Amino acid sequence: MAEGASKEAALPAWWRQIVSSQRREAHRLLAELLATRGIMPLLMKARNGQSWDAADKAQLLAHLRRVAHLSPYLIALLLPGSVLLLPIYAWWLDRRRLKRGD
């Protein structure tokens, strides 16, 4: 662990900040994905002949919204070289470019 810390100290400050923010966001992403662990039993309820009650439907909707909000984020963070893809990702998310005609 000390060897890894010394290697990080040798990197420029801006690069350490990028790496630390990517790690922080990866941990946040993992926490969000772990929060959706209960979705499979809910989905299988209908497959097994049971019906969903109102609480199950609300829980399913919350899980699906959480996953839907993370899907573009997953692509940008999990691909190798994702730091290099961030400018392209920002361009793609910029809705103003559609109005400008770029």
PDB file of N, CA and C in Angstrom:
ATOM      1  N   MET A   1       0.822  -1.193   0.000  1.00  0.00           N
ATOM      2  CA  MET A   1       0.000   0.000   0.000  1.00  0.00           C
ATOM      3  C   MET A   1       0.865   1.256   0.000  1.00  0.00           C
ATOM      4  N   ALA A   2       1.962   1.229   0.698  1.00  0.00           N
ATOM      5  CA  ALA A   2       2.843   2.389   0.743  1.00  0.00           C
ATOM      6  C   ALA A   2       3.485   2.620  -0.611  1.00  0.00           C
ATOM      7  N   GLU A   3       3.754   1.546  -1.328  1.00  0.00           N
ATOM      8  CA  GLU A   3       4.344   1.692  -2.657  1.00  0.00           C
ATOM      9  C   GLU A   3       3.366   2.382  -3.606  1.00  0.00           C
ATOM     10  N   GLY A   4       2.079   2.022  -3.530  1.00  0.00           N
ATOM     11  CA  GLY A   4       1.059   2.652  -4.368  1.00  0.00           C
ATOM     12  C   GLY A   4       0.893   4.122  -4.028  1.00  0.00           C
ATOM     13  N   ALA A   5       0.993   4.451  -2.745  1.00  0.00           N
ATOM     14  CA  ALA A   5       0.874   5.842  -2.315  1.00  0.00           C
ATOM     15  C   ALA A   5       2.057   6.659  -2.805  1.00  0.00           C
ATOM     16  N   SER A   6       3.251   6.052  -2.816  1.00  0.00           N
ATOM     17  CA  SER A   6       4.416   6.796  -3.289  1.00  0.00           C
ATOM     18  C   SER A   6       4.346   7.002  -4.803  1.00  0.00           C
ATOM     19  N   LYS A   7       3.783   6.043  -5.518  1.00  0.00           N
ATOM     20  CA  LYS A   7       3.615   6.215  -6.969  1.00  0.00           C
ATOM     21  C   LYS A   7       2.623   7.324  -7.261  1.00  0.00           C
ATOM     22  N   GLU A   8       1.544   7.390  -6.465  1.00  0.00           N
ATOM     23  CA  GLU A   8       0.562   8.454  -6.664  1.00  0.00           C
ATOM     24  C   GLU A   8       1.149   9.815  -6.328  1.00  0.00           C
ATOM     25  N   ALA A   9       2.017   9.886  -5.350  1.00  0.00           N
ATOM     26  CA  ALA A   9       2.626  11.161  -4.973  1.00  0.00           C
ATOM     27  C   ALA A   9       3.536  11.675  -6.080  1.00  0.00           C
ATOM     28  N   ALA A  10       4.064  10.785  -6.907  1.00  0.00           N
ATOM     29  CA  ALA A  10       4.942  11.194  -7.994  1.00  0.00           C
ATOM     30  C   ALA A  10       4.159  11.764  -9.178  1.00  0.00           C
ATOM     31  N   LEU A  11       2.855  11.547  -9.219  1.00  0.00           N
ATOM     32  CA  LEU A  11       2.031  12.049 -10.314  1.00  0.00           C
ATOM     33  C   LEU A  11       1.726  13.528 -10.129  1.00  0.00           C
ATOM     34  N   PRO A  12       1.445  14.238 -11.227  1.00  0.00           N
ATOM     35  CA  PRO A  12       1.051  15.648 -11.095  1.00  0.00           C
ATOM     36  C   PRO A  12      -0.263  15.774 -10.322  1.00  0.00           C
ATOM     37  N   ALA A  13      -0.442  16.923  -9.701  1.00  0.00           N
ATOM     38  CA  ALA A  13      -1.622  17.139  -8.850  1.00  0.00           C
ATOM     39  C   ALA A  13      -2.917  17.018  -9.646  1.00  0.00           C
ATOM     40  N   TRP A  14      -2.944  17.538 -10.860  1.00  0.00           N
ATOM     41  CA  TRP A  14      -4.166  17.486 -11.650  1.00  0.00           C
ATOM     42  C   TRP A  14      -4.520  16.039 -11.999  1.00  0.00           C
ATOM     43  N   TRP A  15      -3.523  15.197 -12.217  1.00  0.00           N
ATOM     44  CA  TRP A  15      -3.776  13.793 -12.540  1.00  0.00           C
ATOM     45  C   TRP A  15      -4.273  13.043 -11.290  1.00  0.00           C
ATOM     46  N   ARG A  16      -3.686  13.356 -10.122  1.00  0.00           N
ATOM     47  CA  ARG A  16      -4.155  12.739  -8.875  1.00  0.00           C
ATOM     48  C   ARG A  16      -5.605  13.098  -8.605  1.00  0.00           C
ATOM     49  N   GLN A  17      -5.962  14.340  -8.914  1.00  0.00           N
ATOM     50  CA  GLN A  17      -7.343  14.775  -8.706  1.00  0.00           C
ATOM     51  C   GLN A  17      -8.293  14.028  -9.635  1.00  0.00           C
ATOM     52  N   ILE A  18      -7.909  13.814 -10.871  1.00  0.00           N
ATOM     53  CA  ILE A  18      -8.736  13.063 -11.817  1.00  0.00           C
ATOM     54  C   ILE A  18      -8.908  11.624 -11.348  1.00  0.00           C
ATOM     55  N   VAL A  19      -7.802  11.005 -10.941  1.00  0.00           N
ATOM     56  CA  VAL A  19      -7.856   9.615 -10.486  1.00  0.00           C
ATOM     57  C   VAL A  19      -8.703   9.496  -9.223  1.00  0.00           C
ATOM     58  N   SER A  20      -8.533  10.408  -8.287  1.00  0.00           N
ATOM     59  CA  SER A  20      -9.307  10.321  -7.048  1.00  0.00           C
ATOM     60  C   SER A  20     -10.795  10.571  -7.309  1.00  0.00           C
ATOM     61  N   SER A  21     -11.124  11.488  -8.211  1.00  0.00           N
ATOM     62  CA  SER A  21     -12.540  11.717  -8.508  1.00  0.00           C
ATOM     63  C   SER A  21     -13.140  10.520  -9.228  1.00  0.00           C
ATOM     64  N   GLN A  22     -12.365   9.868 -10.080  1.00  0.00           N
ATOM     65  CA  GLN A  22     -12.878   8.680 -10.749  1.00  0.00           C
ATOM     66  C   GLN A  22     -13.102   7.548  -9.739  1.00  0.00           C
ATOM     67  N   ARG A  23     -12.201   7.391  -8.805  1.00  0.00           N
ATOM     68  CA  ARG A  23     -12.385   6.372  -7.766  1.00  0.00           C
ATOM     69  C   ARG A  23     -13.597   6.675  -6.902  1.00  0.00           C
ATOM     70  N   ARG A  24     -13.755   7.952  -6.534  1.00  0.00           N
ATOM     71  CA  ARG A  24     -14.892   8.349  -5.711  1.00  0.00           C
ATOM     72  C   ARG A  24     -16.207   8.056  -6.434  1.00  0.00           C
ATOM     73  N   GLU A  25     -16.273   8.402  -7.702  1.00  0.00           N
ATOM     74  CA  GLU A  25     -17.492   8.162  -8.470  1.00  0.00           C
ATOM     75  C   GLU A  25     -17.724   6.679  -8.703  1.00  0.00           C
ATOM     76  N   ALA A  26     -16.665   5.911  -8.852  1.00  0.00           N
ATOM     77  CA  ALA A  26     -16.818   4.463  -9.003  1.00  0.00           C
ATOM     78  C   ALA A  26     -17.384   3.851  -7.724  1.00  0.00           C
ATOM     79  N   HIS A  27     -16.945   4.340  -6.569  1.00  0.00           N
ATOM     80  CA  HIS A  27     -17.499   3.859  -5.292  1.00  0.00           C
ATOM     81  C   HIS A  27     -18.967   4.257  -5.156  1.00  0.00           C
ATOM     82  N   ARG A  28     -19.308   5.472  -5.587  1.00  0.00           N
ATOM     83  CA  ARG A  28     -20.701   5.918  -5.539  1.00  0.00           C
ATOM     84  C   ARG A  28     -21.559   5.057  -6.464  1.00  0.00           C
ATOM     85  N   LEU A  29     -21.030   4.766  -7.625  1.00  0.00           N
ATOM     86  CA  LEU A  29     -21.734   3.945  -8.593  1.00  0.00           C
ATOM     87  C   LEU A  29     -21.965   2.536  -8.051  1.00  0.00           C
ATOM     88  N   LEU A  30     -20.955   1.984  -7.429  1.00  0.00           N
ATOM     89  CA  LEU A  30     -21.086   0.661  -6.837  1.00  0.00           C
ATOM     90  C   LEU A  30     -22.137   0.663  -5.735  1.00  0.00           C
ATOM     91  N   ALA A  31     -22.165   1.710  -4.936  1.00  0.00           N
ATOM     92  CA  ALA A  31     -23.170   1.813  -3.872  1.00  0.00           C
ATOM     93  C   ALA A  31     -24.577   1.882  -4.465  1.00  0.00           C
ATOM     94  N   GLU A  32     -24.741   2.623  -5.568  1.00  0.00           N
ATOM     95  CA  GLU A  32     -26.050   2.709  -6.221  1.00  0.00           C
ATOM     96  C   GLU A  32     -26.467   1.357  -6.786  1.00  0.00           C
ATOM     97  N   LEU A  33     -25.519   0.645  -7.383  1.00  0.00           N
ATOM     98  CA  LEU A  33     -25.841  -0.660  -7.944  1.00  0.00           C
ATOM     99  C   LEU A  33     -26.166  -1.674  -6.844  1.00  0.00           C
ATOM    100  N   LEU A  34     -25.458  -1.596  -5.737  1.00  0.00           N
ATOM    101  CA  LEU A  34     -25.757  -2.494  -4.626  1.00  0.00           C
ATOM    102  C   LEU A  34     -27.137  -2.212  -4.030  1.00  0.00           C
ATOM    103  N   ALA A  35     -27.588  -0.969  -4.141  1.00  0.00           N
ATOM    104  CA  ALA A  35     -28.912  -0.618  -3.629  1.00  0.00           C
ATOM    105  C   ALA A  35     -30.019  -1.240  -4.474  1.00  0.00           C
ATOM    106  N   THR A  36     -29.709  -1.664  -5.696  1.00  0.00           N
ATOM    107  CA  THR A  36     -30.718  -2.273  -6.565  1.00  0.00           C
ATOM    108  C   THR A  36     -30.691  -3.796  -6.503  1.00  0.00           C
ATOM    109  N   ARG A  37     -30.041  -4.347  -5.504  1.00  0.00           N
ATOM    110  CA  ARG A  37     -29.940  -5.800  -5.387  1.00  0.00           C
ATOM    111  C   ARG A  37     -31.297  -6.469  -5.236  1.00  0.00           C
ATOM    112  N   GLY A  38     -32.272  -5.806  -4.701  1.00  0.00           N
ATOM    113  CA  GLY A  38     -33.584  -6.399  -4.473  1.00  0.00           C
ATOM    114  C   GLY A  38     -34.484  -6.427  -5.695  1.00  0.00           C
ATOM    115  N   ILE A  39     -33.984  -6.008  -6.849  1.00  0.00           N
ATOM    116  CA  ILE A  39     -34.837  -5.940  -8.025  1.00  0.00           C
ATOM    117  C   ILE A  39     -35.145  -7.330  -8.598  1.00  0.00           C
ATOM    118  N   MET A  40     -34.219  -8.263  -8.515  1.00  0.00           N
ATOM    119  CA  MET A  40     -34.431  -9.579  -9.109  1.00  0.00           C
ATOM    120  C   MET A  40     -35.577 -10.341  -8.463  1.00  0.00           C
ATOM    121  N   PRO A  41     -35.652 -10.433  -7.140  1.00  0.00           N
ATOM    122  CA  PRO A  41     -36.818 -11.117  -6.556  1.00  0.00           C
ATOM    123  C   PRO A  41     -38.142 -10.446  -6.934  1.00  0.00           C
ATOM    124  N   LEU A  42     -38.138  -9.130  -7.043  1.00  0.00           N
ATOM    125  CA  LEU A  42     -39.362  -8.435  -7.449  1.00  0.00           C
ATOM    126  C   LEU A  42     -39.741  -8.774  -8.883  1.00  0.00           C
ATOM    127  N   LEU A  43     -38.762  -8.794  -9.770  1.00  0.00           N
ATOM    128  CA  LEU A  43     -39.048  -9.125 -11.163  1.00  0.00           C
ATOM    129  C   LEU A  43     -39.520 -10.571 -11.307  1.00  0.00           C
ATOM    130  N   MET A  44     -38.955 -11.454 -10.530  1.00  0.00           N
ATOM    131  CA  MET A  44     -39.299 -12.872 -10.636  1.00  0.00           C
ATOM    132  C   MET A  44     -40.660 -13.183 -10.003  1.00  0.00           C
ATOM    133  N   LYS A  45     -41.194 -12.274  -9.234  1.00  0.00           N
ATOM    134  CA  LYS A  45     -42.493 -12.484  -8.619  1.00  0.00           C
ATOM    135  C   LYS A  45     -43.568 -12.723  -9.687  1.00  0.00           C
ATOM    136  N   ALA A  46     -43.573 -11.891 -10.711  1.00  0.00           N
ATOM    137  CA  ALA A  46     -44.553 -12.042 -11.786  1.00  0.00           C
ATOM    138  C   ALA A  46     -44.293 -13.320 -12.578  1.00  0.00           C
ATOM    139  N   ARG A  47     -43.047 -13.652 -12.766  1.00  0.00           N
ATOM    140  CA  ARG A  47     -42.689 -14.865 -13.506  1.00  0.00           C
ATOM    141  C   ARG A  47     -43.116 -16.124 -12.752  1.00  0.00           C
ATOM    142  N   ASN A  48     -43.102 -16.066 -11.444  1.00  0.00           N
ATOM    143  CA  ASN A  48     -43.475 -17.215 -10.620  1.00  0.00           C
ATOM    144  C   ASN A  48     -44.968 -17.290 -10.330  1.00  0.00           C
ATOM    145  N   GLY A  49     -45.752 -16.464 -10.993  1.00  0.00           N
ATOM    146  CA  GLY A  49     -47.200 -16.537 -10.851  1.00  0.00           C
ATOM    147  C   GLY A  49     -47.777 -15.679  -9.748  1.00  0.00           C
ATOM    148  N   GLN A  50     -46.955 -14.942  -9.045  1.00  0.00           N
ATOM    149  CA  GLN A  50     -47.459 -14.048  -7.997  1.00  0.00           C
ATOM    150  C   GLN A  50     -47.758 -12.693  -8.614  1.00  0.00           C
ATOM    151  N   SER A  51     -48.534 -11.910  -7.926  1.00  0.00           N
ATOM    152  CA  SER A  51     -48.822 -10.575  -8.450  1.00  0.00           C
ATOM    153  C   SER A  51     -48.102  -9.523  -7.604  1.00  0.00           C
ATOM    154  N   TRP A  52     -47.869  -8.389  -8.218  1.00  0.00           N
ATOM    155  CA  TRP A  52     -47.221  -7.284  -7.518  1.00  0.00           C
ATOM    156  C   TRP A  52     -48.283  -6.454  -6.816  1.00  0.00           C
ATOM    157  N   ASP A  53     -48.030  -6.103  -5.573  1.00  0.00           N
ATOM    158  CA  ASP A  53     -48.922  -5.173  -4.900  1.00  0.00           C
ATOM    159  C   ASP A  53     -48.407  -3.756  -5.126  1.00  0.00           C
ATOM    160  N   ALA A  54     -49.082  -2.778  -4.570  1.00  0.00           N
ATOM    161  CA  ALA A  54     -48.715  -1.372  -4.801  1.00  0.00           C
ATOM    162  C   ALA A  54     -47.308  -1.070  -4.288  1.00  0.00           C
ATOM    163  N   ALA A  55     -46.940  -1.656  -3.151  1.00  0.00           N
ATOM    164  CA  ALA A  55     -45.600  -1.413  -2.598  1.00  0.00           C
ATOM    165  C   ALA A  55     -44.526  -2.010  -3.505  1.00  0.00           C
ATOM    166  N   ASP A  56     -44.804  -3.202  -4.063  1.00  0.00           N
ATOM    167  CA  ASP A  56     -43.844  -3.826  -4.980  1.00  0.00           C
ATOM    168  C   ASP A  56     -43.667  -2.983  -6.235  1.00  0.00           C
ATOM    169  N   LYS A  57     -44.766  -2.472  -6.761  1.00  0.00           N
ATOM    170  CA  LYS A  57     -44.692  -1.650  -7.976  1.00  0.00           C
ATOM    171  C   LYS A  57     -43.905  -0.372  -7.722  1.00  0.00           C
ATOM    172  N   ALA A  58     -44.120   0.235  -6.567  1.00  0.00           N
ATOM    173  CA  ALA A  58     -43.383   1.462  -6.231  1.00  0.00           C
ATOM    174  C   ALA A  58     -41.894   1.165  -6.071  1.00  0.00           C
ATOM    175  N   GLN A  59     -41.585   0.032  -5.450  1.00  0.00           N
ATOM    176  CA  GLN A  59     -40.184  -0.354  -5.273  1.00  0.00           C
ATOM    177  C   GLN A  59     -39.529  -0.666  -6.613  1.00  0.00           C
ATOM    178  N   LEU A  60     -40.241  -1.359  -7.486  1.00  0.00           N
ATOM    179  CA  LEU A  60     -39.726  -1.661  -8.823  1.00  0.00           C
ATOM    180  C   LEU A  60     -39.461  -0.386  -9.611  1.00  0.00           C
ATOM    181  N   LEU A  61     -40.391   0.540  -9.543  1.00  0.00           N
ATOM    182  CA  LEU A  61     -40.228   1.810 -10.242  1.00  0.00           C
ATOM    183  C   LEU A  61     -39.017   2.577  -9.724  1.00  0.00           C
ATOM    184  N   ALA A  62     -38.811   2.565  -8.421  1.00  0.00           N
ATOM    185  CA  ALA A  62     -37.648   3.252  -7.842  1.00  0.00           C
ATOM    186  C   ALA A  62     -36.349   2.603  -8.307  1.00  0.00           C
ATOM    187  N   HIS A  63     -36.315   1.276  -8.343  1.00  0.00           N
ATOM    188  CA  HIS A  63     -35.123   0.577  -8.825  1.00  0.00           C
ATOM    189  C   HIS A  63     -34.848   0.893 -10.295  1.00  0.00           C
ATOM    190  N   LEU A  64     -35.876   0.865 -11.118  1.00  0.00           N
ATOM    191  CA  LEU A  64     -35.689   1.118 -12.545  1.00  0.00           C
ATOM    192  C   LEU A  64     -35.254   2.554 -12.813  1.00  0.00           C
ATOM    193  N   ARG A  65     -35.772   3.487 -12.047  1.00  0.00           N
ATOM    194  CA  ARG A  65     -35.335   4.885 -12.205  1.00  0.00           C
ATOM    195  C   ARG A  65     -33.867   5.039 -11.819  1.00  0.00           C
ATOM    196  N   ARG A  66     -33.480   4.375 -10.761  1.00  0.00           N
ATOM    197  CA  ARG A  66     -32.085   4.447 -10.309  1.00  0.00           C
ATOM    198  C   ARG A  66     -31.147   3.896 -11.380  1.00  0.00           C
ATOM    199  N   VAL A  67     -31.502   2.765 -11.961  1.00  0.00           N
ATOM    200  CA  VAL A  67     -30.675   2.154 -13.008  1.00  0.00           C
ATOM    201  C   VAL A  67     -30.681   3.011 -14.270  1.00  0.00           C
ATOM    202  N   ALA A  68     -31.836   3.572 -14.625  1.00  0.00           N
ATOM    203  CA  ALA A  68     -31.926   4.398 -15.831  1.00  0.00           C
ATOM    204  C   ALA A  68     -31.064   5.652 -15.722  1.00  0.00           C
ATOM    205  N   HIS A  69     -30.984   6.217 -14.538  1.00  0.00           N
ATOM    206  CA  HIS A  69     -30.148   7.408 -14.359  1.00  0.00           C
ATOM    207  C   HIS A  69     -28.664   7.082 -14.393  1.00  0.00           C
ATOM    208  N   LEU A  70     -28.321   5.850 -14.114  1.00  0.00           N
ATOM    209  CA  LEU A  70     -26.914   5.460 -14.090  1.00  0.00           C
ATOM    210  C   LEU A  70     -26.404   4.940 -15.429  1.00  0.00           C
ATOM    211  N   SER A  71     -27.275   4.554 -16.341  1.00  0.00           N
ATOM    212  CA  SER A  71     -26.812   3.879 -17.553  1.00  0.00           C
ATOM    213  C   SER A  71     -25.835   4.704 -18.397  1.00  0.00           C
ATOM    214  N   PRO A  72     -26.064   5.979 -18.693  1.00  0.00           N
ATOM    215  CA  PRO A  72     -25.034   6.701 -19.457  1.00  0.00           C
ATOM    216  C   PRO A  72     -23.766   6.915 -18.632  1.00  0.00           C
ATOM    217  N   TYR A  73     -23.945   7.019 -17.334  1.00  0.00           N
ATOM    218  CA  TYR A  73     -22.832   7.218 -16.425  1.00  0.00           C
ATOM    219  C   TYR A  73     -21.930   5.990 -16.392  1.00  0.00           C
ATOM    220  N   LEU A  74     -22.544   4.831 -16.468  1.00  0.00           N
ATOM    221  CA  LEU A  74     -21.782   3.581 -16.462  1.00  0.00           C
ATOM    222  C   LEU A  74     -20.834   3.504 -17.648  1.00  0.00           C
ATOM    223  N   ILE A  75     -21.302   3.899 -18.787  1.00  0.00           N
ATOM    224  CA  ILE A  75     -20.467   3.832 -19.982  1.00  0.00           C
ATOM    225  C   ILE A  75     -19.242   4.711 -19.820  1.00  0.00           C
ATOM    226  N   ALA A  76     -19.446   5.912 -19.304  1.00  0.00           N
ATOM    227  CA  ALA A  76     -18.332   6.850 -19.185  1.00  0.00           C
ATOM    228  C   ALA A  76     -17.327   6.440 -18.128  1.00  0.00           C
ATOM    229  N   LEU A  77     -17.760   5.728 -17.104  1.00  0.00           N
ATOM    230  CA  LEU A  77     -16.835   5.389 -16.021  1.00  0.00           C
ATOM    231  C   LEU A  77     -16.183   4.024 -16.146  1.00  0.00           C
ATOM    232  N   LEU A  78     -16.854   3.086 -16.751  1.00  0.00           N
ATOM    233  CA  LEU A  78     -16.362   1.724 -16.715  1.00  0.00           C
ATOM    234  C   LEU A  78     -15.510   1.326 -17.911  1.00  0.00           C
ATOM    235  N   LEU A  79     -15.562   2.087 -18.970  1.00  0.00           N
ATOM    236  CA  LEU A  79     -14.742   1.755 -20.132  1.00  0.00           C
ATOM    237  C   LEU A  79     -13.275   2.062 -19.864  1.00  0.00           C
ATOM    238  N   PRO A  80     -12.383   1.249 -20.398  1.00  0.00           N
ATOM    239  CA  PRO A  80     -10.957   1.589 -20.279  1.00  0.00           C
ATOM    240  C   PRO A  80     -10.689   2.922 -20.995  1.00  0.00           C
ATOM    241  N   GLY A  81      -9.927   3.755 -20.370  1.00  0.00           N
ATOM    242  CA  GLY A  81      -9.641   5.068 -20.957  1.00  0.00           C
ATOM    243  C   GLY A  81     -10.808   6.027 -20.824  1.00  0.00           C
ATOM    244  N   SER A  82     -11.655   5.803 -19.839  1.00  0.00           N
ATOM    245  CA  SER A  82     -12.865   6.607 -19.714  1.00  0.00           C
ATOM    246  C   SER A  82     -12.554   8.084 -19.449  1.00  0.00           C
ATOM    247  N   VAL A  83     -11.429   8.365 -18.842  1.00  0.00           N
ATOM    248  CA  VAL A  83     -11.055   9.765 -18.613  1.00  0.00           C
ATOM    249  C   VAL A  83     -10.879  10.480 -19.948  1.00  0.00           C
ATOM    250  N   LEU A  84     -10.371   9.759 -20.919  1.00  0.00           N
ATOM    251  CA  LEU A  84     -10.184  10.353 -22.242  1.00  0.00           C
ATOM    252  C   LEU A  84     -11.510  10.559 -22.971  1.00  0.00           C
ATOM    253  N   LEU A  85     -12.525   9.796 -22.587  1.00  0.00           N
ATOM    254  CA  LEU A  85     -13.835   9.917 -23.228  1.00  0.00           C
ATOM    255  C   LEU A  85     -14.703  11.022 -22.632  1.00  0.00           C
ATOM    256  N   LEU A  86     -14.303  11.583 -21.503  1.00  0.00           N
ATOM    257  CA  LEU A  86     -15.139  12.578 -20.844  1.00  0.00           C
ATOM    258  C   LEU A  86     -15.451  13.806 -21.713  1.00  0.00           C
ATOM    259  N   PRO A  87     -14.519  14.356 -22.500  1.00  0.00           N
ATOM    260  CA  PRO A  87     -14.906  15.483 -23.361  1.00  0.00           C
ATOM    261  C   PRO A  87     -15.961  15.097 -24.402  1.00  0.00           C
ATOM    262  N   ILE A  88     -15.862  13.897 -24.930  1.00  0.00           N
ATOM    263  CA  ILE A  88     -16.864  13.435 -25.892  1.00  0.00           C
ATOM    264  C   ILE A  88     -18.205  13.259 -25.197  1.00  0.00           C
ATOM    265  N   TYR A  89     -18.166  12.729 -23.996  1.00  0.00           N
ATOM    266  CA  TYR A  89     -19.381  12.540 -23.209  1.00  0.00           C
ATOM    267  C   TYR A  89     -20.030  13.891 -22.889  1.00  0.00           C
ATOM    268  N   ALA A  90     -19.243  14.866 -22.544  1.00  0.00           N
ATOM    269  CA  ALA A  90     -19.779  16.199 -22.256  1.00  0.00           C
ATOM    270  C   ALA A  90     -20.400  16.808 -23.507  1.00  0.00           C
ATOM    271  N   TRP A  91     -19.759  16.619 -24.656  1.00  0.00           N
ATOM    272  CA  TRP A  91     -20.308  17.129 -25.914  1.00  0.00           C
ATOM    273  C   TRP A  91     -21.643  16.459 -26.207  1.00  0.00           C
ATOM    274  N   TRP A  92     -21.712  15.153 -25.980  1.00  0.00           N
ATOM    275  CA  TRP A  92     -22.923  14.403 -26.271  1.00  0.00           C
ATOM    276  C   TRP A  92     -24.071  14.831 -25.363  1.00  0.00           C
ATOM    277  N   LEU A  93     -23.757  15.148 -24.108  1.00  0.00           N
ATOM    278  CA  LEU A  93     -24.790  15.554 -23.168  1.00  0.00           C
ATOM    279  C   LEU A  93     -25.216  17.012 -23.322  1.00  0.00           C
ATOM    280  N   ASP A  94     -24.448  17.796 -24.040  1.00  0.00           N
ATOM    281  CA  ASP A  94     -24.744  19.215 -24.199  1.00  0.00           C
ATOM    282  C   ASP A  94     -25.947  19.384 -25.120  1.00  0.00           C
ATOM    283  N   ARG A  95     -27.078  19.650 -24.543  1.00  0.00           N
ATOM    284  CA  ARG A  95     -28.316  19.782 -25.331  1.00  0.00           C
ATOM    285  C   ARG A  95     -28.348  21.102 -26.102  1.00  0.00           C
ATOM    286  N   ARG A  96     -27.529  22.050 -25.688  1.00  0.00           N
ATOM    287  CA  ARG A  96     -27.521  23.342 -26.370  1.00  0.00           C
ATOM    288  C   ARG A  96     -26.975  23.228 -27.782  1.00  0.00           C
ATOM    289  N   ARG A  97     -26.123  22.242 -28.035  1.00  0.00           N
ATOM    290  CA  ARG A  97     -25.549  22.103 -29.379  1.00  0.00           C
ATOM    291  C   ARG A  97     -26.629  21.810 -30.406  1.00  0.00           C
ATOM    292  N   LEU A  98     -27.727  21.182 -29.967  1.00  0.00           N
ATOM    293  CA  LEU A  98     -28.815  20.888 -30.899  1.00  0.00           C
ATOM    294  C   LEU A  98     -29.489  22.178 -31.357  1.00  0.00           C
ATOM    295  N   LYS A  99     -29.590  23.152 -30.455  1.00  0.00           N
ATOM    296  CA  LYS A  99     -30.193  24.438 -30.793  1.00  0.00           C
ATOM    297  C   LYS A  99     -29.254  25.261 -31.675  1.00  0.00           C
ATOM    298  N   ARG A 100     -27.939  25.104 -31.461  1.00  0.00           N
ATOM    299  CA  ARG A 100     -26.954  25.861 -32.236  1.00  0.00           C
ATOM    300  C   ARG A 100     -26.773  25.282 -33.627  1.00  0.00           C
ATOM    301  N   GLY A 101     -27.055  23.985 -33.772  1.00  0.00           N
ATOM    302  CA  GLY A 101     -26.888  23.356 -35.063  1.00  0.00           C
ATOM    303  C   GLY A 101     -25.501  22.807 -35.298  1.00  0.00           C
ATOM    304  N   ASP A 102     -24.687  22.641 -34.220  1.00  0.00           N
ATOM    305  CA  ASP A 102     -23.331  22.085 -34.375  1.00  0.00           C
ATOM    306  C   ASP A 102     -23.387  20.615 -34.697  1.00  0.00           C
TER     307      ASP A 102
END
